[in-house]
Amino acid sequence: MIGQAGRPELWVSVAVMRRMRSVLVVCVLAAACGPKTGPVASAPSKEASRPAIAAHPILTISQGECQGTCPVYTVTLWSDGRIDWNGDLNVARKGAAHATIPLDQVAAISKAFADARYFDLDELGDLTVPPTCVKEPDGSETCTVGRDVVACTDTSHTTVTYVDGGRTRTTDDAHCQDTALSRLEDVVVPMLHLDGWITGAARFP
């Protein structure tokens, strides 16, 4: 009697287990046969597809020899702030060296060239001098164009090449007299922080 009393409960348990197994099989088949989905590829952003602007040299200064112990070097500034140095004679750092200045310093150097009107300077390194005119006693007017020019042979020449957009210009400064070009060099060279490489007295920032 005990065994017979327990048999209905046993059959109920077996039936429930079979039903659960059928449901599980249906779920597995549904998962296997259902539509396959995967990670959705996102469209490339405009920033990612935009080509990067390559850095380019915007300023090269070459300092030449003199009859004394003038430093001889070439330094190039790139649009991304990179500086390439090559020391030759009478400098603390000979050979190649590299450093970087902040972009706001690059912008300040470009502004200095704009303020000096570098592309308007004449072959002597100054802005064109307007003609000087004098009234003659007979009422005529005599005009002269030009200015005094000082020649020298024992100074160090500085060659400057500057690039601004599609414009490029190279000038040569013999440092024979005070000009707008020499004053521009006096402003720009300290912005490049070359003291450490020229004299060794200061470290490059």
N, C-alpha and C. Protein backbone atom coordinates (compact mmCIF):
# COMPACT_ATOMS: atom_id res chain seq x y z
N MET A 1 0.84 -1.21 0.00
CA MET A 1 0.00 0.00 0.00
C MET A 1 0.86 1.25 0.00
N ILE A 2 1.93 1.21 0.74
CA ILE A 2 2.82 2.38 0.78
C ILE A 2 3.37 2.67 -0.60
N GLY A 3 3.82 1.54 -1.28
CA GLY A 3 4.38 1.74 -2.63
C GLY A 3 3.33 2.22 -3.58
N GLN A 4 2.11 1.71 -3.49
CA GLN A 4 1.07 2.15 -4.41
C GLN A 4 0.67 3.59 -4.13
N ALA A 5 0.65 3.96 -2.84
CA ALA A 5 0.29 5.34 -2.52
C ALA A 5 1.30 6.33 -3.08
N GLY A 6 2.58 5.96 -3.13
CA GLY A 6 3.62 6.87 -3.62
C GLY A 6 3.76 6.89 -5.11
N ARG A 7 3.16 5.92 -5.85
CA ARG A 7 3.39 5.79 -7.30
C ARG A 7 2.82 6.98 -8.06
N PRO A 8 1.60 7.52 -7.77
CA PRO A 8 1.10 8.68 -8.51
C PRO A 8 2.04 9.87 -8.42
N GLU A 9 2.60 10.17 -7.25
CA GLU A 9 3.53 11.28 -7.11
C GLU A 9 4.75 11.07 -7.97
N LEU A 10 5.23 9.82 -8.09
CA LEU A 10 6.41 9.52 -8.91
C LEU A 10 6.11 9.80 -10.36
N TRP A 11 4.89 9.37 -10.83
CA TRP A 11 4.55 9.60 -12.24
C TRP A 11 4.39 11.09 -12.53
N VAL A 12 3.85 11.84 -11.56
CA VAL A 12 3.73 13.30 -11.74
C VAL A 12 5.09 13.94 -11.91
N SER A 13 6.08 13.50 -11.07
CA SER A 13 7.43 14.07 -11.15
C SER A 13 8.07 13.76 -12.48
N VAL A 14 7.90 12.53 -12.96
CA VAL A 14 8.49 12.12 -14.24
C VAL A 14 7.86 12.93 -15.37
N ALA A 15 6.55 13.10 -15.32
CA ALA A 15 5.86 13.86 -16.36
C ALA A 15 6.33 15.31 -16.40
N VAL A 16 6.50 15.91 -15.21
CA VAL A 16 6.98 17.31 -15.14
C VAL A 16 8.36 17.43 -15.72
N MET A 17 9.25 16.47 -15.39
CA MET A 17 10.63 16.51 -15.89
C MET A 17 10.64 16.38 -17.40
N ARG A 18 9.79 15.45 -17.96
CA ARG A 18 9.75 15.31 -19.42
C ARG A 18 9.25 16.59 -20.08
N ARG A 19 8.29 17.23 -19.47
CA ARG A 19 7.74 18.46 -20.03
C ARG A 19 8.79 19.58 -20.01
N MET A 20 9.54 19.66 -18.94
CA MET A 20 10.60 20.68 -18.83
C MET A 20 11.68 20.43 -19.87
N ARG A 21 12.00 19.11 -20.12
CA ARG A 21 13.03 18.76 -21.09
C ARG A 21 12.56 19.17 -22.48
N SER A 22 11.26 19.00 -22.78
CA SER A 22 10.74 19.38 -24.08
C SER A 22 10.82 20.89 -24.28
N VAL A 23 10.48 21.61 -23.25
CA VAL A 23 10.56 23.08 -23.33
C VAL A 23 11.99 23.53 -23.55
N LEU A 24 12.95 22.88 -22.86
CA LEU A 24 14.36 23.23 -23.01
C LEU A 24 14.84 22.97 -24.42
N VAL A 25 14.42 21.82 -25.02
CA VAL A 25 14.82 21.49 -26.39
C VAL A 25 14.27 22.52 -27.36
N VAL A 26 13.02 22.94 -27.16
CA VAL A 26 12.42 23.95 -28.03
C VAL A 26 13.17 25.26 -27.94
N CYS A 27 13.56 25.66 -26.72
CA CYS A 27 14.31 26.92 -26.53
C CYS A 27 15.65 26.87 -27.23
N VAL A 28 16.35 25.72 -27.12
CA VAL A 28 17.67 25.58 -27.76
C VAL A 28 17.53 25.65 -29.26
N LEU A 29 16.51 24.93 -29.82
CA LEU A 29 16.30 24.96 -31.27
C LEU A 29 15.93 26.36 -31.73
N ALA A 30 15.15 27.07 -30.96
CA ALA A 30 14.76 28.43 -31.34
C ALA A 30 15.97 29.35 -31.37
N ALA A 31 16.88 29.16 -30.41
CA ALA A 31 18.08 30.00 -30.37
C ALA A 31 19.00 29.68 -31.54
N ALA A 32 19.07 28.37 -31.92
CA ALA A 32 19.98 27.97 -33.00
C ALA A 32 19.43 28.35 -34.35
N CYS A 33 18.12 28.29 -34.53
CA CYS A 33 17.53 28.52 -35.84
C CYS A 33 17.04 29.94 -36.03
N GLY A 34 17.03 30.71 -35.00
CA GLY A 34 16.53 32.07 -35.12
C GLY A 34 17.48 32.93 -35.92
N PRO A 35 17.10 34.17 -36.18
CA PRO A 35 17.94 35.09 -36.96
C PRO A 35 19.24 35.35 -36.22
N LYS A 36 20.35 35.31 -36.97
CA LYS A 36 21.67 35.52 -36.37
C LYS A 36 21.97 37.01 -36.36
N THR A 37 22.30 37.51 -35.20
CA THR A 37 22.65 38.92 -35.06
C THR A 37 24.04 39.02 -34.51
N GLY A 38 24.74 40.04 -34.91
CA GLY A 38 26.10 40.27 -34.43
C GLY A 38 26.27 41.73 -34.10
N PRO A 39 27.46 42.11 -33.72
CA PRO A 39 27.71 43.51 -33.40
C PRO A 39 27.49 44.38 -34.63
N VAL A 40 26.80 45.49 -34.44
CA VAL A 40 26.51 46.40 -35.54
C VAL A 40 27.69 47.32 -35.74
N ALA A 41 28.22 47.31 -36.96
CA ALA A 41 29.38 48.17 -37.25
C ALA A 41 28.92 49.61 -37.33
N SER A 42 29.58 50.46 -36.56
CA SER A 42 29.22 51.87 -36.58
C SER A 42 29.85 52.55 -37.78
N ALA A 43 29.15 53.53 -38.30
CA ALA A 43 29.67 54.27 -39.46
C ALA A 43 30.88 55.08 -39.02
N PRO A 44 31.89 55.15 -39.87
CA PRO A 44 33.08 55.95 -39.50
C PRO A 44 32.71 57.40 -39.31
N SER A 45 33.26 57.99 -38.25
CA SER A 45 32.98 59.39 -37.97
C SER A 45 33.69 60.28 -38.97
N LYS A 46 33.21 61.50 -39.09
CA LYS A 46 33.85 62.45 -39.98
C LYS A 46 35.27 62.76 -39.55
N GLU A 47 35.49 62.79 -38.22
CA GLU A 47 36.83 63.07 -37.71
C GLU A 47 37.80 61.98 -38.10
N ALA A 48 37.32 60.69 -38.03
CA ALA A 48 38.22 59.58 -38.34
C ALA A 48 38.55 59.53 -39.82
N SER A 49 37.57 59.93 -40.67
CA SER A 49 37.80 59.85 -42.11
C SER A 49 38.55 61.05 -42.65
N ARG A 50 38.68 62.10 -41.86
CA ARG A 50 39.36 63.30 -42.32
C ARG A 50 40.87 63.08 -42.32
N PRO A 51 41.56 63.32 -43.44
CA PRO A 51 43.01 63.08 -43.48
C PRO A 51 43.75 64.05 -42.58
N ALA A 52 44.77 63.54 -41.91
CA ALA A 52 45.57 64.38 -41.03
C ALA A 52 46.46 65.30 -41.87
N ILE A 53 46.64 66.52 -41.37
CA ILE A 53 47.48 67.48 -42.06
C ILE A 53 48.93 67.22 -41.66
N ALA A 54 49.76 66.93 -42.63
CA ALA A 54 51.16 66.62 -42.35
C ALA A 54 51.90 67.89 -41.95
N ALA A 55 52.80 67.74 -40.98
CA ALA A 55 53.63 68.86 -40.56
C ALA A 55 54.59 69.23 -41.68
N HIS A 56 54.95 70.50 -41.74
CA HIS A 56 55.86 70.96 -42.78
C HIS A 56 56.77 72.04 -42.19
N PRO A 57 57.97 72.19 -42.72
CA PRO A 57 58.86 73.22 -42.21
C PRO A 57 58.36 74.61 -42.55
N ILE A 58 58.38 75.51 -41.58
CA ILE A 58 57.93 76.87 -41.84
C ILE A 58 59.06 77.89 -41.70
N LEU A 59 60.14 77.51 -41.04
CA LEU A 59 61.24 78.47 -40.83
C LEU A 59 62.57 77.73 -40.76
N THR A 60 63.53 78.20 -41.53
CA THR A 60 64.90 77.68 -41.44
C THR A 60 65.86 78.85 -41.33
N ILE A 61 66.71 78.81 -40.32
CA ILE A 61 67.71 79.84 -40.11
C ILE A 61 69.09 79.19 -40.16
N SER A 62 69.95 79.71 -41.02
CA SER A 62 71.31 79.21 -41.12
C SER A 62 72.26 80.34 -40.77
N GLN A 63 73.07 80.10 -39.75
CA GLN A 63 74.03 81.10 -39.30
C GLN A 63 75.40 80.73 -39.85
N GLY A 64 76.01 81.64 -40.62
CA GLY A 64 77.27 81.35 -41.29
C GLY A 64 78.50 81.73 -40.47
N GLU A 65 79.65 81.48 -41.05
CA GLU A 65 80.93 81.75 -40.39
C GLU A 65 81.28 83.23 -40.47
N CYS A 66 82.21 83.61 -39.59
CA CYS A 66 82.80 84.95 -39.62
C CYS A 66 84.31 84.78 -39.35
N GLN A 67 85.03 85.89 -39.27
CA GLN A 67 86.46 85.80 -39.03
C GLN A 67 86.79 85.53 -37.57
N GLY A 68 85.77 85.56 -36.72
CA GLY A 68 85.98 85.27 -35.31
C GLY A 68 85.43 83.91 -34.93
N THR A 69 84.74 83.88 -33.79
CA THR A 69 84.21 82.61 -33.28
C THR A 69 82.68 82.62 -33.29
N CYS A 70 82.13 83.08 -34.38
CA CYS A 70 80.66 83.11 -34.50
C CYS A 70 80.11 81.68 -34.51
N PRO A 71 78.98 81.45 -33.85
CA PRO A 71 78.36 80.13 -33.91
C PRO A 71 77.85 79.84 -35.32
N VAL A 72 78.08 78.63 -35.79
CA VAL A 72 77.65 78.22 -37.13
C VAL A 72 76.67 77.06 -36.95
N TYR A 73 75.44 77.25 -37.42
CA TYR A 73 74.42 76.21 -37.23
C TYR A 73 73.28 76.42 -38.22
N THR A 74 72.45 75.42 -38.29
CA THR A 74 71.19 75.51 -39.05
C THR A 74 70.08 74.95 -38.16
N VAL A 75 68.98 75.68 -38.09
CA VAL A 75 67.85 75.23 -37.28
C VAL A 75 66.58 75.37 -38.11
N THR A 76 65.72 74.36 -38.01
CA THR A 76 64.46 74.35 -38.77
C THR A 76 63.30 74.17 -37.80
N LEU A 77 62.30 75.01 -37.94
CA LEU A 77 61.07 74.92 -37.15
C LEU A 77 59.96 74.37 -38.03
N TRP A 78 59.24 73.35 -37.51
CA TRP A 78 58.13 72.74 -38.22
C TRP A 78 56.81 73.27 -37.70
N SER A 79 55.77 73.11 -38.50
CA SER A 79 54.46 73.64 -38.14
C SER A 79 53.87 73.01 -36.88
N ASP A 80 54.32 71.81 -36.52
CA ASP A 80 53.82 71.15 -35.31
C ASP A 80 54.65 71.47 -34.07
N GLY A 81 55.60 72.41 -34.21
CA GLY A 81 56.42 72.82 -33.08
C GLY A 81 57.75 72.10 -32.96
N ARG A 82 57.98 71.11 -33.82
CA ARG A 82 59.25 70.38 -33.76
C ARG A 82 60.40 71.26 -34.25
N ILE A 83 61.55 71.12 -33.60
CA ILE A 83 62.75 71.87 -33.98
C ILE A 83 63.86 70.88 -34.28
N ASP A 84 64.46 71.04 -35.46
CA ASP A 84 65.61 70.23 -35.85
C ASP A 84 66.85 71.13 -35.87
N TRP A 85 67.84 70.72 -35.14
CA TRP A 85 69.08 71.50 -35.00
C TRP A 85 70.26 70.73 -35.58
N ASN A 86 71.14 71.47 -36.23
CA ASN A 86 72.40 70.88 -36.68
C ASN A 86 73.52 71.87 -36.41
N GLY A 87 74.31 71.59 -35.39
CA GLY A 87 75.40 72.47 -35.01
C GLY A 87 76.68 72.13 -35.76
N ASP A 88 77.39 73.17 -36.21
CA ASP A 88 78.59 72.96 -37.01
C ASP A 88 79.85 73.42 -36.27
N LEU A 89 79.99 74.73 -36.06
CA LEU A 89 81.20 75.26 -35.44
C LEU A 89 80.84 76.21 -34.29
N ASN A 90 81.71 76.24 -33.30
CA ASN A 90 81.61 77.19 -32.19
C ASN A 90 80.26 77.13 -31.47
N VAL A 91 79.75 75.93 -31.31
CA VAL A 91 78.50 75.73 -30.59
C VAL A 91 78.70 74.63 -29.56
N ALA A 92 77.87 74.67 -28.51
CA ALA A 92 77.97 73.65 -27.45
C ALA A 92 77.48 72.30 -27.94
N ARG A 93 76.48 72.30 -28.79
CA ARG A 93 75.92 71.04 -29.29
C ARG A 93 76.21 70.91 -30.78
N LYS A 94 77.18 70.07 -31.12
CA LYS A 94 77.49 69.83 -32.52
C LYS A 94 76.69 68.63 -33.02
N GLY A 95 76.38 68.66 -34.31
CA GLY A 95 75.58 67.58 -34.88
C GLY A 95 74.10 67.82 -34.68
N ALA A 96 73.34 66.75 -34.83
CA ALA A 96 71.88 66.85 -34.80
C ALA A 96 71.33 66.81 -33.39
N ALA A 97 70.25 67.54 -33.20
CA ALA A 97 69.49 67.52 -31.95
C ALA A 97 68.05 67.91 -32.28
N HIS A 98 67.13 67.55 -31.39
CA HIS A 98 65.72 67.80 -31.67
C HIS A 98 65.01 68.23 -30.39
N ALA A 99 64.00 69.05 -30.55
CA ALA A 99 63.19 69.49 -29.41
C ALA A 99 61.84 69.94 -29.96
N THR A 100 60.97 70.38 -29.05
CA THR A 100 59.64 70.83 -29.44
C THR A 100 59.27 72.05 -28.62
N ILE A 101 58.64 73.02 -29.27
CA ILE A 101 58.11 74.18 -28.56
C ILE A 101 56.59 74.15 -28.69
N PRO A 102 55.87 74.82 -27.77
CA PRO A 102 54.40 74.81 -27.83
C PRO A 102 53.88 75.49 -29.10
N LEU A 103 52.68 75.09 -29.49
CA LEU A 103 52.08 75.65 -30.70
C LEU A 103 51.81 77.14 -30.58
N ASP A 104 51.53 77.63 -29.36
CA ASP A 104 51.31 79.06 -29.22
C ASP A 104 52.60 79.84 -29.47
N GLN A 105 53.76 79.19 -29.21
CA GLN A 105 55.03 79.82 -29.52
C GLN A 105 55.26 79.84 -31.04
N VAL A 106 54.82 78.79 -31.72
CA VAL A 106 54.90 78.77 -33.19
C VAL A 106 54.05 79.90 -33.76
N ALA A 107 52.86 80.08 -33.20
CA ALA A 107 51.97 81.15 -33.66
C ALA A 107 52.59 82.52 -33.41
N ALA A 108 53.28 82.67 -32.28
CA ALA A 108 53.92 83.95 -31.96
C ALA A 108 55.04 84.26 -32.96
N ILE A 109 55.77 83.23 -33.38
CA ILE A 109 56.83 83.43 -34.38
C ILE A 109 56.22 83.85 -35.71
N SER A 110 55.14 83.19 -36.12
CA SER A 110 54.47 83.57 -37.36
C SER A 110 53.95 85.00 -37.29
N LYS A 111 53.45 85.40 -36.13
CA LYS A 111 52.97 86.77 -35.95
C LYS A 111 54.11 87.77 -36.07
N ALA A 112 55.29 87.41 -35.56
CA ALA A 112 56.45 88.31 -35.65
C ALA A 112 56.81 88.55 -37.12
N PHE A 113 56.76 87.52 -37.94
CA PHE A 113 57.05 87.69 -39.37
C PHE A 113 55.98 88.55 -40.03
N ALA A 114 54.72 88.35 -39.63
CA ALA A 114 53.64 89.16 -40.21
C ALA A 114 53.79 90.63 -39.80
N ASP A 115 54.10 90.87 -38.53
CA ASP A 115 54.25 92.24 -38.04
C ASP A 115 55.42 92.95 -38.72
N ALA A 116 56.48 92.21 -39.02
CA ALA A 116 57.64 92.80 -39.68
C ALA A 116 57.45 92.96 -41.18
N ARG A 117 56.33 92.43 -41.71
CA ARG A 117 56.03 92.49 -43.15
C ARG A 117 57.19 91.87 -43.93
N TYR A 118 57.53 90.66 -43.52
CA TYR A 118 58.72 89.99 -44.07
C TYR A 118 58.69 89.91 -45.60
N PHE A 119 57.53 89.62 -46.17
CA PHE A 119 57.43 89.47 -47.63
C PHE A 119 57.49 90.81 -48.36
N ASP A 120 57.43 91.91 -47.62
CA ASP A 120 57.52 93.24 -48.23
C ASP A 120 58.92 93.84 -48.10
N LEU A 121 59.81 93.18 -47.38
CA LEU A 121 61.16 93.73 -47.20
C LEU A 121 61.92 93.70 -48.53
N ASP A 122 62.75 94.69 -48.74
CA ASP A 122 63.54 94.72 -49.97
C ASP A 122 64.79 93.88 -49.81
N GLU A 123 65.65 93.90 -50.82
CA GLU A 123 66.84 93.05 -50.82
C GLU A 123 67.84 93.43 -49.73
N LEU A 124 67.69 94.63 -49.17
CA LEU A 124 68.58 95.06 -48.09
C LEU A 124 68.00 94.76 -46.71
N GLY A 125 66.79 94.20 -46.67
CA GLY A 125 66.19 93.82 -45.40
C GLY A 125 65.38 94.90 -44.74
N ASP A 126 64.95 95.88 -45.51
CA ASP A 126 64.12 96.96 -44.98
C ASP A 126 62.90 97.14 -45.87
N LEU A 127 61.91 97.83 -45.32
CA LEU A 127 60.77 98.21 -46.14
C LEU A 127 61.21 99.26 -47.15
N THR A 128 60.59 99.24 -48.30
CA THR A 128 60.97 100.17 -49.36
C THR A 128 60.85 101.61 -48.88
N VAL A 129 61.91 102.35 -49.10
CA VAL A 129 61.93 103.75 -48.67
C VAL A 129 61.27 104.61 -49.75
N PRO A 130 60.31 105.41 -49.36
CA PRO A 130 59.68 106.28 -50.38
C PRO A 130 60.68 107.30 -50.91
N PRO A 131 60.47 107.76 -52.10
CA PRO A 131 61.42 108.74 -52.67
C PRO A 131 61.44 110.05 -51.89
N THR A 132 62.59 110.68 -51.87
CA THR A 132 62.76 111.99 -51.24
C THR A 132 62.78 113.05 -52.35
N CYS A 133 61.86 113.96 -52.28
CA CYS A 133 61.73 114.96 -53.34
C CYS A 133 62.05 116.36 -52.80
N VAL A 134 62.74 117.13 -53.63
CA VAL A 134 63.15 118.49 -53.25
C VAL A 134 62.71 119.45 -54.36
N LYS A 135 62.12 120.56 -53.91
CA LYS A 135 61.70 121.60 -54.85
C LYS A 135 62.92 122.42 -55.27
N GLU A 136 63.12 122.57 -56.53
CA GLU A 136 64.21 123.37 -57.07
C GLU A 136 63.76 124.83 -57.19
N PRO A 137 64.75 125.76 -57.21
CA PRO A 137 64.39 127.20 -57.34
C PRO A 137 63.52 127.50 -58.56
N ASP A 138 63.71 126.75 -59.60
CA ASP A 138 62.93 127.02 -60.82
C ASP A 138 61.54 126.40 -60.77
N GLY A 139 61.20 125.82 -59.64
CA GLY A 139 59.88 125.25 -59.50
C GLY A 139 59.81 123.78 -59.83
N SER A 140 60.87 123.22 -60.38
CA SER A 140 60.87 121.79 -60.68
C SER A 140 61.11 120.99 -59.41
N GLU A 141 60.92 119.74 -59.51
CA GLU A 141 61.06 118.86 -58.34
C GLU A 141 62.03 117.74 -58.67
N THR A 142 63.00 117.54 -57.80
CA THR A 142 63.98 116.48 -57.98
C THR A 142 63.76 115.42 -56.91
N CYS A 143 63.61 114.19 -57.33
CA CYS A 143 63.36 113.10 -56.39
C CYS A 143 64.50 112.09 -56.46
N THR A 144 64.87 111.61 -55.31
CA THR A 144 65.89 110.57 -55.22
C THR A 144 65.29 109.37 -54.50
N VAL A 145 65.67 108.22 -54.97
CA VAL A 145 65.17 106.97 -54.38
C VAL A 145 66.37 106.18 -53.88
N GLY A 146 66.26 105.68 -52.66
CA GLY A 146 67.36 104.87 -52.12
C GLY A 146 67.82 105.38 -50.78
N ARG A 147 68.84 104.76 -50.26
CA ARG A 147 69.38 105.14 -48.96
C ARG A 147 70.84 104.70 -48.92
N ASP A 148 71.51 105.12 -47.87
CA ASP A 148 72.91 104.76 -47.73
C ASP A 148 73.03 103.27 -47.48
N VAL A 149 74.01 102.65 -48.10
CA VAL A 149 74.25 101.23 -47.94
C VAL A 149 75.64 101.01 -47.40
N VAL A 150 75.73 100.20 -46.35
CA VAL A 150 77.02 99.89 -45.73
C VAL A 150 77.44 98.50 -46.18
N ALA A 151 78.66 98.39 -46.67
CA ALA A 151 79.18 97.08 -47.09
C ALA A 151 80.17 96.57 -46.05
N CYS A 152 80.16 95.26 -45.83
CA CYS A 152 81.09 94.66 -44.89
C CYS A 152 81.44 93.26 -45.36
N THR A 153 82.60 92.77 -44.93
CA THR A 153 83.06 91.46 -45.41
C THR A 153 83.41 90.49 -44.29
N ASP A 154 83.45 90.95 -43.05
CA ASP A 154 83.93 90.09 -41.97
C ASP A 154 82.83 89.68 -40.99
N THR A 155 81.58 89.80 -41.41
CA THR A 155 80.47 89.47 -40.51
C THR A 155 79.86 88.12 -40.88
N SER A 156 79.12 87.59 -39.94
CA SER A 156 78.43 86.32 -40.16
C SER A 156 77.09 86.58 -40.86
N HIS A 157 76.86 85.90 -41.97
CA HIS A 157 75.59 86.04 -42.67
C HIS A 157 74.54 85.11 -42.06
N THR A 158 73.32 85.61 -42.00
CA THR A 158 72.19 84.80 -41.55
C THR A 158 71.23 84.65 -42.72
N THR A 159 70.99 83.40 -43.10
CA THR A 159 70.04 83.11 -44.17
C THR A 159 68.74 82.64 -43.54
N VAL A 160 67.66 83.31 -43.90
CA VAL A 160 66.34 83.00 -43.33
C VAL A 160 65.41 82.59 -44.46
N THR A 161 64.78 81.42 -44.30
CA THR A 161 63.73 80.97 -45.22
C THR A 161 62.45 80.81 -44.43
N TYR A 162 61.41 81.52 -44.85
CA TYR A 162 60.14 81.47 -44.13
C TYR A 162 59.03 81.09 -45.10
N VAL A 163 58.12 80.22 -44.64
CA VAL A 163 56.99 79.74 -45.45
C VAL A 163 55.70 80.15 -44.77
N ASP A 164 54.82 80.77 -45.54
CA ASP A 164 53.52 81.18 -45.02
C ASP A 164 52.48 80.83 -46.07
N GLY A 165 51.76 79.72 -45.86
CA GLY A 165 50.79 79.28 -46.85
C GLY A 165 51.49 78.89 -48.14
N GLY A 166 51.12 79.55 -49.23
CA GLY A 166 51.75 79.25 -50.51
C GLY A 166 52.94 80.14 -50.82
N ARG A 167 53.33 80.99 -49.87
CA ARG A 167 54.45 81.91 -50.11
C ARG A 167 55.70 81.43 -49.39
N THR A 168 56.84 81.54 -50.08
CA THR A 168 58.13 81.19 -49.50
C THR A 168 59.14 82.27 -49.90
N ARG A 169 59.93 82.69 -48.92
CA ARG A 169 60.95 83.68 -49.24
C ARG A 169 62.22 83.38 -48.45
N THR A 170 63.36 83.61 -49.11
CA THR A 170 64.67 83.45 -48.47
C THR A 170 65.41 84.78 -48.53
N THR A 171 65.95 85.20 -47.39
CA THR A 171 66.72 86.44 -47.32
C THR A 171 68.10 86.16 -46.76
N ASP A 172 69.01 87.06 -47.05
CA ASP A 172 70.39 86.95 -46.56
C ASP A 172 70.74 88.24 -45.85
N ASP A 173 71.11 88.13 -44.58
CA ASP A 173 71.44 89.30 -43.77
C ASP A 173 72.92 89.27 -43.43
N ALA A 174 73.67 90.26 -43.91
CA ALA A 174 75.10 90.33 -43.63
C ALA A 174 75.41 91.04 -42.33
N HIS A 175 74.38 91.56 -41.66
CA HIS A 175 74.56 92.25 -40.37
C HIS A 175 75.52 93.43 -40.47
N CYS A 176 75.46 94.14 -41.58
CA CYS A 176 76.32 95.32 -41.73
C CYS A 176 75.70 96.55 -41.09
N GLN A 177 74.38 96.58 -40.99
CA GLN A 177 73.70 97.72 -40.41
C GLN A 177 72.36 97.27 -39.85
N ASP A 178 71.77 98.15 -39.06
CA ASP A 178 70.50 97.84 -38.43
C ASP A 178 69.39 97.91 -39.48
N THR A 179 68.65 96.80 -39.62
CA THR A 179 67.55 96.74 -40.59
C THR A 179 66.34 96.08 -39.94
N ALA A 180 65.21 96.17 -40.63
CA ALA A 180 64.01 95.49 -40.14
C ALA A 180 64.23 93.99 -40.07
N LEU A 181 65.03 93.45 -41.01
CA LEU A 181 65.30 92.01 -41.02
C LEU A 181 66.14 91.61 -39.81
N SER A 182 67.17 92.37 -39.51
CA SER A 182 68.01 92.02 -38.35
C SER A 182 67.22 92.16 -37.05
N ARG A 183 66.33 93.12 -36.99
CA ARG A 183 65.50 93.27 -35.79
C ARG A 183 64.52 92.10 -35.66
N LEU A 184 64.02 91.62 -36.79
CA LEU A 184 63.15 90.44 -36.76
C LEU A 184 63.90 89.22 -36.25
N GLU A 185 65.13 89.04 -36.69
CA GLU A 185 65.95 87.92 -36.21
C GLU A 185 66.17 88.02 -34.70
N ASP A 186 66.38 89.24 -34.21
CA ASP A 186 66.60 89.43 -32.77
C ASP A 186 65.36 89.04 -31.96
N VAL A 187 64.18 89.13 -32.57
CA VAL A 187 62.94 88.75 -31.89
C VAL A 187 62.71 87.24 -31.98
N VAL A 188 62.93 86.68 -33.16
CA VAL A 188 62.55 85.29 -33.41
C VAL A 188 63.53 84.28 -32.80
N VAL A 189 64.82 84.50 -32.94
CA VAL A 189 65.81 83.51 -32.48
C VAL A 189 65.64 83.18 -30.99
N PRO A 190 65.43 84.16 -30.09
CA PRO A 190 65.21 83.79 -28.68
C PRO A 190 63.97 82.94 -28.48
N MET A 191 62.95 83.08 -29.36
CA MET A 191 61.75 82.26 -29.22
C MET A 191 62.02 80.78 -29.48
N LEU A 192 63.11 80.48 -30.18
CA LEU A 192 63.46 79.09 -30.47
C LEU A 192 64.24 78.44 -29.33
N HIS A 193 64.65 79.24 -28.34
CA HIS A 193 65.34 78.70 -27.15
C HIS A 193 66.62 77.93 -27.54
N LEU A 194 67.49 78.57 -28.29
CA LEU A 194 68.69 77.89 -28.78
C LEU A 194 69.90 78.05 -27.87
N ASP A 195 69.76 78.80 -26.78
CA ASP A 195 70.92 79.08 -25.92
C ASP A 195 71.61 77.81 -25.45
N GLY A 196 70.82 76.81 -25.09
CA GLY A 196 71.42 75.57 -24.59
C GLY A 196 72.28 74.89 -25.62
N TRP A 197 71.91 74.98 -26.87
CA TRP A 197 72.67 74.34 -27.94
C TRP A 197 73.84 75.21 -28.42
N ILE A 198 73.67 76.54 -28.32
CA ILE A 198 74.73 77.44 -28.79
C ILE A 198 75.82 77.60 -27.73
N THR A 199 75.43 77.98 -26.53
CA THR A 199 76.42 78.28 -25.49
C THR A 199 76.53 77.19 -24.42
N GLY A 200 75.49 76.39 -24.28
CA GLY A 200 75.49 75.38 -23.22
C GLY A 200 75.16 75.96 -21.88
N ALA A 201 74.81 77.26 -21.81
CA ALA A 201 74.56 77.92 -20.53
C ALA A 201 73.16 77.63 -20.02
N ALA A 202 72.26 77.25 -20.88
CA ALA A 202 70.88 76.98 -20.46
C ALA A 202 70.40 75.72 -21.13
N ARG A 203 69.56 75.01 -20.42
CA ARG A 203 68.98 73.80 -20.97
C ARG A 203 67.78 74.14 -21.82
N PHE A 204 67.56 73.32 -22.85
CA PHE A 204 66.37 73.52 -23.67
C PHE A 204 65.15 73.16 -22.84
N PRO A 205 64.07 73.99 -22.91
CA PRO A 205 62.88 73.71 -22.08
C PRO A 205 62.22 72.40 -22.47
